[in-house]
């Protein structure tokens, strides 16, 4: 999955214009977050996206993968 971080300004009537470099017909997920004065770093934002992935839930939370308890 490729994440593209863009900051755009809301236009008249609440309209946004997004220009993407994806081929026509490509399905994309758009998440709109109001930008605040204190924006988190890009690394922090990506970490929040990754914490909900299947790898985190199925591999990292698997007790069989918790090898530190055996030391």
Protein backbone atom coordinates (compact mmCIF):
# COMPACT_ATOMS: atom_id res chain seq x y z
CA UNK A 1 0.00 0.00 0.00
CA UNK A 2 1.33 3.41 -0.94
CA UNK A 3 0.41 6.39 1.25
CA UNK A 4 0.34 9.83 -0.32
CA UNK A 5 0.19 12.72 2.14
CA UNK A 6 -1.25 15.91 0.64
CA UNK A 7 -2.36 19.14 2.28
CA UNK A 8 -5.04 20.99 0.34
CA UNK A 9 -7.26 23.97 1.11
CA UNK A 10 -11.04 23.67 1.16
CA UNK A 11 -12.57 25.78 -1.56
CA UNK A 12 -15.88 27.59 -1.90
CA UNK A 13 -18.79 25.37 -0.93
CA UNK A 14 -16.52 22.92 0.91
CA UNK A 15 -15.08 21.44 -2.29
CA UNK A 16 -11.70 19.73 -2.53
CA UNK A 17 -9.82 18.94 -5.71
CA UNK A 18 -7.44 15.98 -5.61
CA UNK A 19 -5.27 15.15 -8.58
CA UNK A 20 -3.87 11.62 -8.43
CA UNK A 21 -1.28 9.86 -10.53
CA UNK A 22 -3.32 6.63 -10.56
CA UNK A 23 -4.85 5.13 -13.69
CA UNK A 24 -8.57 5.77 -14.27
CA UNK A 25 -10.71 3.22 -12.46
CA UNK A 26 -8.22 2.65 -9.62
CA UNK A 27 -9.97 2.35 -6.25
CA UNK A 28 -8.43 4.53 -3.54
CA UNK A 29 -9.24 5.26 0.11
CA UNK A 30 -9.49 8.92 1.03
CA UNK A 31 -9.23 9.94 4.69
CA UNK A 32 -9.85 13.60 5.46
CA UNK A 33 -8.34 15.00 8.66
CA UNK A 34 -8.46 18.68 9.56
CA UNK A 35 -4.93 20.00 9.81
CA UNK A 36 -4.15 21.47 13.21
CA UNK A 37 -1.45 23.89 14.28
CA UNK A 38 0.49 20.99 15.81
CA UNK A 39 0.59 18.31 13.12
CA UNK A 40 2.11 14.93 14.06
CA UNK A 41 5.23 13.85 12.27
CA UNK A 42 4.87 11.70 9.19
CA UNK A 43 6.45 8.77 11.04
CA UNK A 44 3.84 9.03 13.80
CA UNK A 45 1.01 9.20 11.29
CA UNK A 46 2.30 6.11 9.46
CA UNK A 47 2.66 4.25 12.76
CA UNK A 48 -1.01 4.88 13.52
CA UNK A 49 -1.98 3.50 10.12
CA UNK A 50 0.17 0.40 10.60
CA UNK A 51 -1.06 -0.43 14.12
CA UNK A 52 -4.41 -1.53 12.70
CA UNK A 53 -2.98 -3.88 10.06
CA UNK A 54 -3.43 -7.64 10.00
CA UNK A 55 0.26 -8.24 10.74
CA UNK A 56 -0.02 -6.42 14.06
CA UNK A 57 -3.18 -8.28 15.07
CA UNK A 58 -2.34 -11.77 13.83
CA UNK A 59 1.45 -12.06 14.16
CA UNK A 60 2.67 -9.62 16.77
CA UNK A 61 -0.18 -10.37 19.19
CA UNK A 62 0.21 -14.16 18.80
CA UNK A 63 1.49 -15.68 22.09
CA UNK A 64 3.62 -18.13 20.07
CA UNK A 65 5.58 -15.14 18.74
CA UNK A 66 6.33 -13.82 22.24
CA UNK A 67 9.85 -15.25 22.53
CA UNK A 68 11.03 -12.77 25.19
CA UNK A 69 9.22 -14.69 27.91
CA UNK A 70 11.40 -17.75 27.25
CA UNK A 71 14.71 -15.97 27.99
